[in-house]
Amino acid sequence: MSLFVLWILFVIISGSSNRAAKTSAYSSQEQPLSQLPFEVKIVRSPETEDMEEIQDQAVSLLSAKHFDLLDKYARDFRSSKASYANGVWKLSLVYFGLESSYADSQKSWNDRLALLKDWAIAEPNSITAHVALAAETMFYTTKELAQTGNDNHIRQQQVKEFRHALDILDEAGSFEETCPCWWTIKLESDKVLQVERSQFEADFESATNFEPDFEQFYLIKAVYLANTWHKNDLEIMENDLEKSADRIGSENGDELYAQVVWNIYPYMGGIKHAIFQDNYFSWPRVKSGFGVIRKRFPDSLSAVSQEAYFAGLADDRDTARKCLNDIQGQVDLGVWHSKDNFTSFANWAYGIQNP
């Protein structure tokens, strides 16, 4: 799993691979019916296109060794703090684009690491270059560690490389230019190293003091606290998230709460369809948060689609139907994964029965 991509990896705007399997509300066995008040059609959301464009541009600039332009590209997003409806900053998409894929060949990994090293050498004070290099090195070594089995010699070498990545990160921490993604990698390394909670809490506090609105910090902490996904761990995670949201307060706190639930949902395995029924999360607060998100991102298809889906998990048919009225049959595959899943959900929301 990528050190940056917690949900996806990346899904930053994403969901379960079996989204329509909720037995307490609707059945995926229902078939598309003509009674729906709209035509069901798959669309490509502007958000998805924008995310891919940012990643492609980052890779293109790196491959061409236009390091100065790549630095400016990241710096502009860092300065603007532009984000998507799920709270992920566009800056993070630059780093996502610079990361290798888990399935890439060894040569691809080596080539990407070489390019990032060239960038860090050419721009020795570039915070972006050093954070990207540290992230790629950590990602590579954790991937290798997962595949080495009991070969202690190889494991020792990979641990050494991981420590080297930490050294790169520590060096970048002294740069004049700063970046919230530096703290993302710091917190991710804490999680990988399974540091004591007191150490993680100290680093989390420093991260949120640096940039309190960076949603990814809260997501990393939620995953850290609920690593086993047992009920007790989930209660600890939810209570902590609630405290963080309360600390931020008002609409911003509700928005953060909903965004973290949105992004952590794909990790929840077999319990994900009971996230509201079993009180893992508060549906009223998630619903309130989506009200804020949709007000701030009125054109976000992913936001209204995700709210609709969560309303289904909460058996809130009225909210689901209102969202679907806004969607008007547009199927964002980042949420629904298939046209049939969306249609099954819509049949449930509108109370349509098979003949």
Protein backbone atom coordinates (compact mmCIF):
# COMPACT_ATOMS: atom_id res chain seq x y z
CA MET A 1 0.00 0.00 0.00
CA SER A 2 1.34 3.39 -0.93
CA LEU A 3 2.48 5.58 1.89
CA PHE A 4 0.47 8.42 0.44
CA VAL A 5 -2.46 6.42 -0.74
CA LEU A 6 -4.23 5.26 2.35
CA TRP A 7 -7.50 4.70 0.75
CA ILE A 8 -6.48 3.60 -2.42
CA LEU A 9 -5.33 4.04 -2.51
CA PHE A 10 -5.92 6.27 -4.42
CA VAL A 11 -9.42 6.75 -3.89
CA ILE A 12 -9.42 9.67 -2.87
CA ILE A 13 -13.02 9.63 -4.17
CA SER A 14 -13.86 5.96 -3.89
CA GLY A 15 -15.80 3.17 -2.32
CA SER A 16 -16.33 -0.51 -1.82
CA SER A 17 -15.95 -3.05 -4.59
CA ASN A 18 -19.33 -4.45 -3.59
CA ARG A 19 -21.25 -1.30 -2.91
CA ALA A 20 -24.72 -2.68 -3.49
CA ALA A 21 -24.54 -5.59 -1.10
CA LYS A 22 -26.37 -3.96 1.78
CA THR A 23 -28.96 -6.46 2.89
CA SER A 24 -30.64 -4.27 5.52
CA ALA A 25 -31.77 -1.67 2.99
CA TYR A 26 -31.69 -2.78 -0.61
CA SER A 27 -30.87 -5.85 -2.69
CA SER A 28 -28.41 -5.99 -5.56
CA GLN A 29 -30.64 -8.65 -7.10
CA GLU A 30 -33.17 -6.05 -8.26
CA GLN A 31 -33.14 -5.41 -12.00
CA PRO A 32 -33.27 -2.06 -13.81
CA LEU A 33 -36.88 -0.92 -14.17
CA SER A 34 -38.48 1.71 -16.37
CA GLN A 35 -40.27 3.42 -13.45
CA LEU A 36 -37.20 5.38 -12.35
CA PRO A 37 -37.74 9.13 -12.90
CA PHE A 38 -34.57 9.49 -14.95
CA GLU A 39 -32.40 7.74 -17.49
CA VAL A 40 -29.48 5.90 -15.90
CA LYS A 41 -26.21 6.73 -17.64
CA ILE A 42 -22.53 6.34 -16.79
CA VAL A 43 -20.64 9.63 -16.76
CA ARG A 44 -17.06 10.63 -16.18
CA SER A 45 -16.95 13.15 -13.36
CA PRO A 46 -14.95 16.37 -13.75
CA GLU A 47 -13.23 15.55 -10.44
CA THR A 48 -11.86 12.28 -11.78
CA GLU A 49 -10.61 13.99 -14.90
CA ASP A 50 -8.96 16.73 -12.86
CA MET A 51 -7.23 14.23 -10.57
CA GLU A 52 -5.85 12.28 -13.50
CA GLU A 53 -4.70 15.45 -15.24
CA ILE A 54 -2.72 16.58 -12.17
CA GLN A 55 -1.05 13.19 -11.80
CA ASP A 56 -0.25 12.96 -15.50
CA GLN A 57 1.24 16.44 -15.52
CA ALA A 58 3.44 15.65 -12.51
CA VAL A 59 4.78 12.48 -14.15
CA SER A 60 5.32 14.28 -17.44
CA LEU A 61 7.36 17.06 -15.82
CA LEU A 62 9.41 14.55 -13.84
CA SER A 63 10.11 12.35 -16.87
CA ALA A 64 11.24 15.38 -18.88
CA LYS A 65 13.38 16.51 -15.93
CA HIS A 66 11.66 19.89 -15.85
CA PHE A 67 12.36 20.02 -12.14
CA ASP A 68 11.91 23.76 -11.75
CA LEU A 69 8.47 23.60 -13.37
CA LEU A 70 7.52 20.61 -11.24
CA ASP A 71 8.50 22.48 -8.10
CA LYS A 72 6.36 25.43 -9.16
CA TYR A 73 3.48 23.12 -10.05
CA ALA A 74 3.47 21.67 -6.52
CA ARG A 75 4.13 25.03 -4.90
CA ASP A 76 1.09 26.61 -6.53
CA PHE A 77 -1.21 23.87 -5.19
CA ARG A 78 0.45 24.11 -1.78
CA SER A 79 -0.16 27.84 -1.66
CA SER A 80 -3.76 27.70 -2.88
CA LYS A 81 -4.75 24.81 -0.57
CA ALA A 82 -7.19 23.76 -3.27
CA SER A 83 -8.97 20.52 -2.42
CA TYR A 84 -11.67 18.13 -3.54
CA ALA A 85 -15.00 17.45 -1.89
CA ASN A 86 -13.59 14.55 0.12
CA GLY A 87 -10.99 16.84 1.71
CA VAL A 88 -7.94 15.69 -0.23
CA TRP A 89 -5.74 18.55 -1.36
CA LYS A 90 -4.82 18.81 -5.03
CA LEU A 91 -1.22 19.03 -3.81
CA SER A 92 -1.49 15.38 -2.75
CA LEU A 93 -2.35 14.42 -6.33
CA VAL A 94 1.04 15.73 -7.42
CA TYR A 95 2.68 13.29 -5.02
CA PHE A 96 0.30 10.48 -6.02
CA GLY A 97 1.38 10.97 -9.61
CA LEU A 98 5.05 10.78 -8.66
CA GLU A 99 4.65 7.43 -6.89
CA SER A 100 5.18 4.11 -8.59
CA SER A 101 2.38 1.61 -8.84
CA TYR A 102 2.60 -1.47 -6.63
CA ALA A 103 2.40 -3.67 -9.73
CA ASP A 104 5.19 -1.87 -11.61
CA SER A 105 8.22 -3.84 -12.75
CA GLN A 106 11.53 -3.69 -10.91
CA LYS A 107 12.94 -1.59 -13.75
CA SER A 108 10.10 0.90 -13.44
CA TRP A 109 10.74 1.21 -9.72
CA ASN A 110 14.45 1.74 -10.29
CA ASP A 111 13.84 4.30 -13.02
CA ARG A 112 11.40 6.28 -10.86
CA LEU A 113 13.76 6.28 -7.88
CA ALA A 114 16.61 7.42 -10.14
CA LEU A 115 14.55 10.33 -11.47
CA LEU A 116 13.55 11.41 -7.98
CA LYS A 117 17.18 11.23 -6.83
CA ASP A 118 18.22 13.35 -9.82
CA TRP A 119 15.58 15.89 -8.88
CA ALA A 120 16.71 16.03 -5.25
CA ILE A 121 20.32 16.52 -6.38
CA ALA A 122 19.41 19.19 -8.93
CA GLU A 123 17.17 21.01 -6.43
CA PRO A 124 18.86 20.39 -3.06
CA ASN A 125 16.47 22.71 -1.21
CA SER A 126 13.28 21.46 -2.83
CA ILE A 127 10.87 20.25 -0.17
CA THR A 128 8.73 18.59 -2.85
CA ALA A 129 11.63 16.61 -4.31
CA HIS A 130 12.79 15.32 -0.95
CA VAL A 131 9.32 14.43 0.32
CA ALA A 132 8.60 12.58 -2.94
CA LEU A 133 11.93 10.73 -2.74
CA ALA A 134 11.39 9.78 0.91
CA ALA A 135 7.85 8.58 0.14
CA GLU A 136 8.93 6.49 -2.86
CA THR A 137 11.83 4.96 -0.93
CA MET A 138 9.56 4.04 1.98
CA PHE A 139 6.91 2.66 -0.36
CA TYR A 140 9.50 0.57 -2.17
CA THR A 141 11.08 -0.83 0.99
CA THR A 142 7.76 -1.72 2.62
CA LYS A 143 6.74 -3.47 -0.61
CA GLU A 144 10.00 -5.40 -0.61
CA LEU A 145 9.68 -6.26 3.08
CA ALA A 146 6.25 -7.75 2.43
CA GLN A 147 7.78 -10.08 -0.16
CA THR A 148 11.01 -11.17 1.55
CA GLY A 149 9.59 -13.80 3.88
CA ASN A 150 12.12 -14.97 6.48
CA ASP A 151 15.28 -13.89 4.67
CA ASN A 152 16.86 -11.87 7.49
CA HIS A 153 19.69 -10.53 5.34
CA ILE A 154 17.27 -9.01 2.82
CA ARG A 155 15.03 -7.74 5.60
CA GLN A 156 17.96 -6.01 7.29
CA GLN A 157 18.87 -4.34 4.00
CA GLN A 158 15.32 -3.11 3.47
CA VAL A 159 15.10 -1.80 7.03
CA LYS A 160 18.35 0.07 6.36
CA GLU A 161 16.78 1.61 3.24
CA PHE A 162 13.70 2.58 5.23
CA ARG A 163 15.90 4.33 7.77
CA HIS A 164 17.64 6.10 4.89
CA ALA A 165 14.25 7.39 3.75
CA LEU A 166 13.67 8.73 7.25
CA ASP A 167 17.02 10.52 7.04
CA ILE A 168 15.91 12.16 3.78
CA LEU A 169 12.69 13.21 5.45
CA ASP A 170 14.49 14.56 8.52
CA GLU A 171 16.83 16.59 6.33
CA ALA A 172 13.88 18.09 4.47
CA GLY A 173 12.34 19.07 7.81
CA SER A 174 15.02 21.75 8.16
CA PHE A 175 14.26 23.41 4.80
CA GLU A 176 12.96 26.96 4.68
CA GLU A 177 10.04 25.85 2.51
CA THR A 178 7.58 23.54 4.29
CA CYS A 179 4.88 21.14 3.14
CA PRO A 180 1.98 19.41 4.90
CA CYS A 181 2.83 16.23 2.99
CA TRP A 182 6.09 16.12 4.96
CA TRP A 183 3.94 15.41 7.99
CA THR A 184 1.89 12.89 6.01
CA ILE A 185 5.02 10.83 5.43
CA LYS A 186 6.14 11.32 9.02
CA LEU A 187 2.84 9.99 10.36
CA GLU A 188 2.84 7.15 7.83
CA SER A 189 6.33 6.13 8.95
CA ASP A 190 5.13 6.16 12.57
CA LYS A 191 2.33 3.82 11.55
CA VAL A 192 4.66 1.48 9.65
CA LEU A 193 7.13 1.43 12.55
CA GLN A 194 4.28 0.92 15.05
CA VAL A 195 5.57 3.61 17.37
CA GLU A 196 4.05 4.03 20.82
CA ARG A 197 0.82 5.97 20.82
CA SER A 198 2.39 8.78 22.85
CA GLN A 199 4.92 9.36 20.05
CA PHE A 200 2.22 9.20 17.37
CA GLU A 201 0.04 11.65 19.31
CA ALA A 202 2.95 14.07 19.63
CA ASP A 203 3.63 13.95 15.90
CA PHE A 204 -0.08 14.24 15.11
CA GLU A 205 -0.35 17.33 17.31
CA SER A 206 2.63 18.90 15.55
CA ALA A 207 1.12 18.08 12.16
CA THR A 208 -2.28 19.55 12.96
CA ASN A 209 -0.72 22.62 14.54
CA PHE A 210 1.15 23.12 11.27
CA GLU A 211 -1.96 22.68 9.11
CA PRO A 212 -5.20 21.96 11.03
CA ASP A 213 -7.31 21.61 7.86
CA PHE A 214 -5.25 18.87 6.20
CA GLU A 215 -7.75 16.01 6.21
CA GLN A 216 -5.16 13.32 5.52
CA PHE A 217 -3.63 13.70 9.00
CA TYR A 218 -6.93 12.68 10.57
CA LEU A 219 -7.36 9.78 8.17
CA ILE A 220 -3.91 8.40 8.96
CA LYS A 221 -4.64 8.65 12.66
CA ALA A 222 -7.98 6.88 12.24
CA VAL A 223 -6.26 3.99 10.44
CA TYR A 224 -3.54 3.93 13.12
CA LEU A 225 -6.11 3.67 15.93
CA ALA A 226 -8.26 1.05 14.18
CA ASN A 227 -5.51 -1.10 12.76
CA THR A 228 -7.16 -4.40 13.72
CA TRP A 229 -10.74 -3.25 12.97
CA HIS A 230 -12.03 -4.85 16.16
CA LYS A 231 -14.99 -3.20 17.81
CA ASN A 232 -12.97 -1.75 20.69
CA ASP A 233 -10.46 -0.25 18.27
CA LEU A 234 -13.26 1.22 16.18
CA GLU A 235 -14.81 2.81 19.26
CA ILE A 236 -11.46 4.36 20.14
CA MET A 237 -11.07 5.60 16.57
CA GLU A 238 -14.57 7.09 16.38
CA ASN A 239 -14.26 8.77 19.78
CA ASP A 240 -10.95 10.29 18.74
CA LEU A 241 -12.38 11.49 15.42
CA GLU A 242 -15.35 13.00 17.22
CA LYS A 243 -13.01 14.89 19.57
CA SER A 244 -10.97 16.19 16.63
CA ALA A 245 -14.14 17.34 14.87
CA ASP A 246 -15.41 18.98 18.08
CA ARG A 247 -12.08 20.74 18.53
CA ILE A 248 -12.35 22.22 15.05
CA GLY A 249 -15.99 22.99 15.74
CA SER A 250 -19.01 24.20 13.83
CA GLU A 251 -19.45 23.36 10.14
CA ASN A 252 -15.75 22.69 9.62
CA GLY A 253 -15.80 19.99 12.28
CA ASP A 254 -18.81 18.25 10.74
CA GLU A 255 -17.21 18.47 7.31
CA LEU A 256 -14.00 16.87 8.57
CA TYR A 257 -15.94 14.07 10.29
CA ALA A 258 -17.80 13.23 7.07
CA GLN A 259 -14.65 13.40 4.96
CA VAL A 260 -12.72 11.01 7.20
CA VAL A 261 -15.63 8.53 7.20
CA TRP A 262 -15.81 8.88 3.41
CA ASN A 263 -12.12 8.09 2.99
CA ILE A 264 -11.76 5.38 5.64
CA TYR A 265 -14.82 3.43 4.51
CA PRO A 266 -13.00 1.36 1.85
CA TYR A 267 -10.69 -0.06 4.55
CA MET A 268 -13.44 -1.48 6.71
CA GLY A 269 -13.78 -4.90 5.10
CA GLY A 270 -16.70 -7.06 6.13
CA ILE A 271 -18.04 -4.58 8.70
CA LYS A 272 -18.41 -1.66 6.29
CA HIS A 273 -22.12 -2.22 5.65
CA ALA A 274 -22.87 -1.90 9.37
CA ILE A 275 -20.97 1.34 9.96
CA PHE A 276 -24.10 3.19 11.05
CA GLN A 277 -26.33 0.37 12.32
CA ASP A 278 -23.62 -0.79 14.74
CA ASN A 279 -22.80 2.79 15.71
CA TYR A 280 -19.27 2.77 14.39
CA PHE A 281 -20.01 6.27 13.12
CA SER A 282 -22.76 8.84 13.61
CA TRP A 283 -25.01 9.11 10.58
CA PRO A 284 -26.53 12.45 11.75
CA ARG A 285 -23.06 13.97 11.91
CA VAL A 286 -21.99 12.47 8.58
CA LYS A 287 -25.21 13.78 7.04
CA SER A 288 -24.57 17.23 8.52
CA GLY A 289 -21.03 17.12 7.19
CA PHE A 290 -22.21 16.29 3.70
CA GLY A 291 -24.54 19.25 3.89
CA VAL A 292 -21.47 21.44 4.40
CA ILE A 293 -19.49 19.62 1.70
CA ARG A 294 -22.23 20.00 -0.87
CA LYS A 295 -22.63 23.68 -0.05
CA ARG A 296 -18.90 24.24 -0.59
CA PHE A 297 -18.67 21.90 -3.60
CA PRO A 298 -22.08 22.33 -5.24
CA ASP A 299 -20.98 20.78 -8.53
CA SER A 300 -19.40 17.66 -7.02
CA LEU A 301 -21.07 14.55 -8.40
CA SER A 302 -18.94 12.36 -6.15
CA ALA A 303 -20.14 14.17 -3.01
CA VAL A 304 -23.85 13.80 -3.71
CA SER A 305 -23.31 10.21 -4.87
CA GLN A 306 -21.41 9.30 -1.72
CA GLU A 307 -24.03 10.93 0.49
CA ALA A 308 -26.71 8.93 -1.29
CA TYR A 309 -24.81 5.70 -0.74
CA PHE A 310 -24.21 6.41 2.95
CA ALA A 311 -27.90 7.27 3.33
CA GLY A 312 -28.62 3.77 2.08
CA LEU A 313 -26.32 2.27 4.70
CA ALA A 314 -28.19 4.28 7.33
CA ASP A 315 -31.62 3.21 6.00
CA ASP A 316 -32.39 6.89 5.37
CA ARG A 317 -34.51 6.48 2.27
CA ASP A 318 -35.67 10.11 2.20
CA THR A 319 -32.13 11.49 2.06
CA ALA A 320 -31.10 8.87 -0.50
CA ARG A 321 -34.02 9.83 -2.73
CA LYS A 322 -33.26 13.56 -2.44
CA CYS A 323 -29.68 12.90 -3.48
CA LEU A 324 -30.79 10.79 -6.41
CA ASN A 325 -33.12 13.57 -7.52
CA ASP A 326 -30.02 15.77 -7.71
CA ILE A 327 -27.93 13.11 -9.47
CA GLN A 328 -30.62 12.56 -12.13
CA GLY A 329 -29.30 9.16 -13.16
CA GLN A 330 -25.63 10.11 -13.53
CA VAL A 331 -23.52 7.12 -12.48
CA ASP A 332 -20.11 8.00 -11.06
CA LEU A 333 -18.26 4.69 -11.21
CA GLY A 334 -15.88 5.91 -8.50
CA VAL A 335 -18.81 5.44 -6.10
CA TRP A 336 -21.17 2.90 -7.66
CA HIS A 337 -18.72 0.76 -9.67
CA SER A 338 -21.40 -0.34 -12.10
CA LYS A 339 -24.62 0.86 -13.68
CA ASP A 340 -26.50 -2.11 -12.20
CA ASN A 341 -25.38 -1.25 -8.66
CA PHE A 342 -26.66 2.28 -9.07
CA THR A 343 -29.97 1.09 -10.54
CA SER A 344 -30.49 -1.41 -7.71
CA PHE A 345 -29.91 1.35 -5.20
CA ALA A 346 -32.27 3.71 -7.01
CA ASN A 347 -35.00 1.04 -7.12
CA TRP A 348 -34.69 0.69 -3.34
CA ALA A 349 -34.67 4.44 -2.73
CA TYR A 350 -37.81 5.03 -4.81
CA GLY A 351 -39.58 1.96 -3.41
CA ILE A 352 -39.88 0.28 -6.78
CA GLN A 353 -40.67 -3.44 -6.61
CA ASN A 354 -39.99 -6.06 -9.24
CA PRO A 355 -43.13 -7.05 -11.15
